[in-house]
Amino acid sequence: MPNLDQIDRRLLAELQDDGRMTNVDLAQRVGLTAPPCLRRVRALEDSGVIRGYHAELDAAKLGYTITVFALVSLKSQAEEALRQFEDHMKGLPEVRECHMLNGEIDFILKIVSKDLQSFQEFLTSKLTPAPNVASVKTSLTIRTAKQVPGVPMDG
């Protein structure tokens, strides 16, 4: 992990909150002038601490009205089988997150879909028949009480 000082942490907190602010605004917020602020941000990008900048989209307004979490168990946990499943998930745009777990369940997936019928189609035609899948248990979200990207920053 890079050695981050208090200014780096404040930069990260500010950018995580609003990645579209100008370098001048960012510099003012953290008490720097623009050139050293830009150098620090570039260094954080080059080190991989900042991986990218993204727009936060409203899924429902774009027609994706349901979010489902799927617990997937595989027939084999051999490395090649795990990688094959992960590669298959990377090719499915509806799968927004794919995490390998320890314990009885091998993967948890976050899936978005336009509606229940579209999800059922996705489940039966793309997820259940995916390589090495033994079982899939799904839970449809009722509401989301918290959804915060990134990590806590004590800036």
Protein backbone atom coordinates (compact mmCIF):
# COMPACT_ATOMS: atom_id res chain seq x y z
CA MET A 1 0.00 0.00 0.00
CA PRO A 2 1.39 3.42 -0.89
CA ASN A 3 2.39 5.71 1.94
CA LEU A 4 -0.48 8.24 1.95
CA ASP A 5 -0.23 11.44 3.94
CA GLN A 6 -3.15 13.49 5.24
CA ILE A 7 -3.34 15.58 2.05
CA ASP A 8 -3.48 12.46 -0.14
CA ARG A 9 -6.30 11.11 2.03
CA ARG A 10 -8.21 14.39 1.73
CA LEU A 11 -7.69 14.38 -2.05
CA LEU A 12 -9.05 10.84 -2.24
CA ALA A 13 -12.05 11.67 -0.04
CA GLU A 14 -12.91 14.73 -2.14
CA LEU A 15 -12.50 12.93 -5.47
CA GLN A 16 -14.47 9.93 -4.25
CA ASP A 17 -17.29 12.31 -3.34
CA ASP A 18 -17.11 14.34 -6.57
CA GLY A 19 -14.81 13.05 -9.29
CA ARG A 20 -15.84 15.82 -11.70
CA MET A 21 -14.55 18.81 -9.77
CA THR A 22 -11.82 20.85 -11.39
CA ASN A 23 -8.24 20.62 -10.22
CA VAL A 24 -8.50 24.24 -9.03
CA ASP A 25 -11.54 23.44 -6.86
CA LEU A 26 -9.88 20.30 -5.54
CA ALA A 27 -6.70 22.20 -4.69
CA GLN A 28 -8.69 24.83 -2.77
CA ARG A 29 -10.54 22.18 -0.78
CA VAL A 30 -7.34 20.50 0.37
CA GLY A 31 -5.26 23.64 0.85
CA LEU A 32 -2.85 23.32 -2.08
CA THR A 33 -2.16 25.32 -5.20
CA ALA A 34 -3.19 23.74 -8.50
CA PRO A 35 0.18 22.41 -9.78
CA PRO A 36 1.14 20.31 -6.72
CA CYS A 37 -2.46 19.14 -6.43
CA LEU A 38 -2.40 17.88 -10.00
CA ARG A 39 0.96 16.16 -9.43
CA ARG A 40 -0.41 14.37 -6.37
CA VAL A 41 -3.55 13.24 -8.21
CA ARG A 42 -1.46 11.96 -11.13
CA ALA A 43 0.80 10.08 -8.69
CA LEU A 44 -2.29 8.49 -7.07
CA GLU A 45 -3.53 7.48 -10.54
CA ASP A 46 -0.10 6.14 -11.59
CA SER A 47 0.19 4.08 -8.40
CA GLY A 48 -3.23 2.52 -9.03
CA VAL A 49 -4.86 3.94 -5.89
CA ILE A 50 -7.22 5.85 -8.21
CA ARG A 51 -8.34 3.30 -10.80
CA GLY A 52 -10.75 5.47 -12.77
CA TYR A 53 -13.60 7.96 -12.79
CA HIS A 54 -17.22 6.98 -13.36
CA ALA A 55 -20.68 8.47 -13.57
CA GLU A 56 -23.20 7.11 -11.07
CA LEU A 57 -26.26 6.12 -13.09
CA ASP A 58 -29.86 5.66 -11.96
CA ALA A 59 -30.62 2.09 -13.00
CA ALA A 60 -34.40 2.46 -12.73
CA LYS A 61 -34.44 5.56 -14.94
CA LEU A 62 -32.54 3.53 -17.53
CA GLY A 63 -35.08 0.72 -17.40
CA TYR A 64 -33.27 -1.65 -15.02
CA THR A 65 -35.97 -1.92 -12.41
CA ILE A 66 -34.75 -4.93 -10.44
CA THR A 67 -31.52 -5.91 -8.73
CA VAL A 68 -30.91 -9.51 -7.76
CA PHE A 69 -28.21 -11.14 -5.69
CA ALA A 70 -27.36 -14.67 -6.75
CA LEU A 71 -25.47 -17.21 -4.66
CA VAL A 72 -23.73 -19.64 -6.98
CA SER A 73 -22.21 -22.99 -6.09
CA LEU A 74 -19.94 -24.70 -8.57
CA LYS A 75 -19.46 -28.41 -9.23
CA SER A 76 -15.69 -28.04 -8.96
CA GLN A 77 -13.49 -25.52 -7.19
CA ALA A 78 -10.42 -26.34 -9.27
CA GLU A 79 -8.63 -23.16 -10.37
CA GLU A 80 -9.44 -23.74 -14.04
CA ALA A 81 -13.15 -24.19 -13.26
CA LEU A 82 -13.19 -21.02 -11.13
CA ARG A 83 -11.45 -19.03 -13.87
CA GLN A 84 -13.79 -20.36 -16.55
CA PHE A 85 -16.82 -19.29 -14.51
CA GLU A 86 -15.32 -15.85 -13.81
CA ASP A 87 -14.52 -15.33 -17.48
CA HIS A 88 -18.09 -16.25 -18.40
CA MET A 89 -19.46 -13.74 -15.85
CA LYS A 90 -17.21 -10.99 -17.26
CA GLY A 91 -19.02 -11.44 -20.58
CA LEU A 92 -22.50 -10.94 -19.11
CA PRO A 93 -23.35 -7.21 -18.89
CA GLU A 94 -26.24 -7.85 -16.48
CA VAL A 95 -23.72 -9.15 -13.92
CA ARG A 96 -22.43 -5.96 -12.31
CA GLU A 97 -20.37 -7.60 -9.56
CA CYS A 98 -18.91 -11.08 -9.13
CA HIS A 99 -17.17 -12.00 -5.88
CA MET A 100 -15.66 -15.35 -4.93
CA LEU A 101 -16.52 -16.31 -1.34
CA ASN A 102 -15.16 -18.76 1.15
CA GLY A 103 -17.50 -21.27 2.73
CA GLU A 104 -20.37 -23.20 1.19
CA ILE A 105 -21.19 -20.68 -1.55
CA ASP A 106 -18.56 -20.12 -4.23
CA PHE A 107 -19.70 -16.79 -5.72
CA ILE A 108 -22.11 -13.97 -5.06
CA LEU A 109 -23.29 -11.96 -8.05
CA LYS A 110 -25.06 -8.62 -8.26
CA ILE A 111 -27.32 -8.67 -11.30
CA VAL A 112 -29.49 -5.93 -12.78
CA SER A 113 -32.41 -6.60 -15.08
CA LYS A 114 -35.19 -4.68 -16.78
CA ASP A 115 -37.95 -6.72 -15.13
CA LEU A 116 -38.70 -10.09 -13.58
CA GLN A 117 -39.35 -11.77 -16.94
CA SER A 118 -36.00 -10.55 -18.31
CA PHE A 119 -34.27 -11.81 -15.17
CA GLN A 120 -35.94 -15.24 -15.45
CA GLU A 121 -34.73 -15.43 -19.04
CA PHE A 122 -31.22 -14.45 -17.97
CA LEU A 123 -31.27 -17.00 -15.15
CA THR A 124 -32.36 -19.92 -17.31
CA SER A 125 -30.46 -19.12 -20.49
CA LYS A 126 -27.21 -17.56 -19.26
CA LEU A 127 -26.55 -18.13 -15.55
CA THR A 128 -27.77 -21.64 -14.69
CA PRO A 129 -26.18 -23.21 -17.79
CA ALA A 130 -22.87 -21.35 -17.23
CA PRO A 131 -19.74 -23.51 -17.02
CA ASN A 132 -19.54 -25.72 -13.93
CA VAL A 133 -22.65 -24.30 -12.16
CA ALA A 134 -24.12 -26.73 -9.63
CA SER A 135 -26.79 -24.48 -8.08
CA VAL A 136 -28.03 -20.91 -8.03
CA LYS A 137 -30.05 -19.30 -5.23
CA THR A 138 -31.42 -15.83 -5.92
CA SER A 139 -32.83 -13.01 -3.83
CA LEU A 140 -34.57 -10.00 -5.33
CA THR A 141 -33.87 -6.71 -3.56
CA ILE A 142 -36.91 -4.98 -2.08
CA ARG A 143 -35.20 -1.68 -1.39
CA THR A 144 -31.71 -0.31 -0.96
CA ALA A 145 -30.99 1.49 2.29
CA LYS A 146 -27.37 2.29 1.49
CA GLN A 147 -25.26 2.17 -1.63
CA VAL A 148 -21.94 3.98 -1.35
CA PRO A 149 -19.13 3.41 -3.83
CA GLY A 150 -15.49 3.42 -2.79
CA VAL A 151 -14.01 3.03 0.66
CA PRO A 152 -14.26 5.03 3.91
CA MET A 153 -11.71 7.82 3.97
CA ASP A 154 -10.72 9.48 7.22
CA GLY A 155 -9.70 12.62 5.29
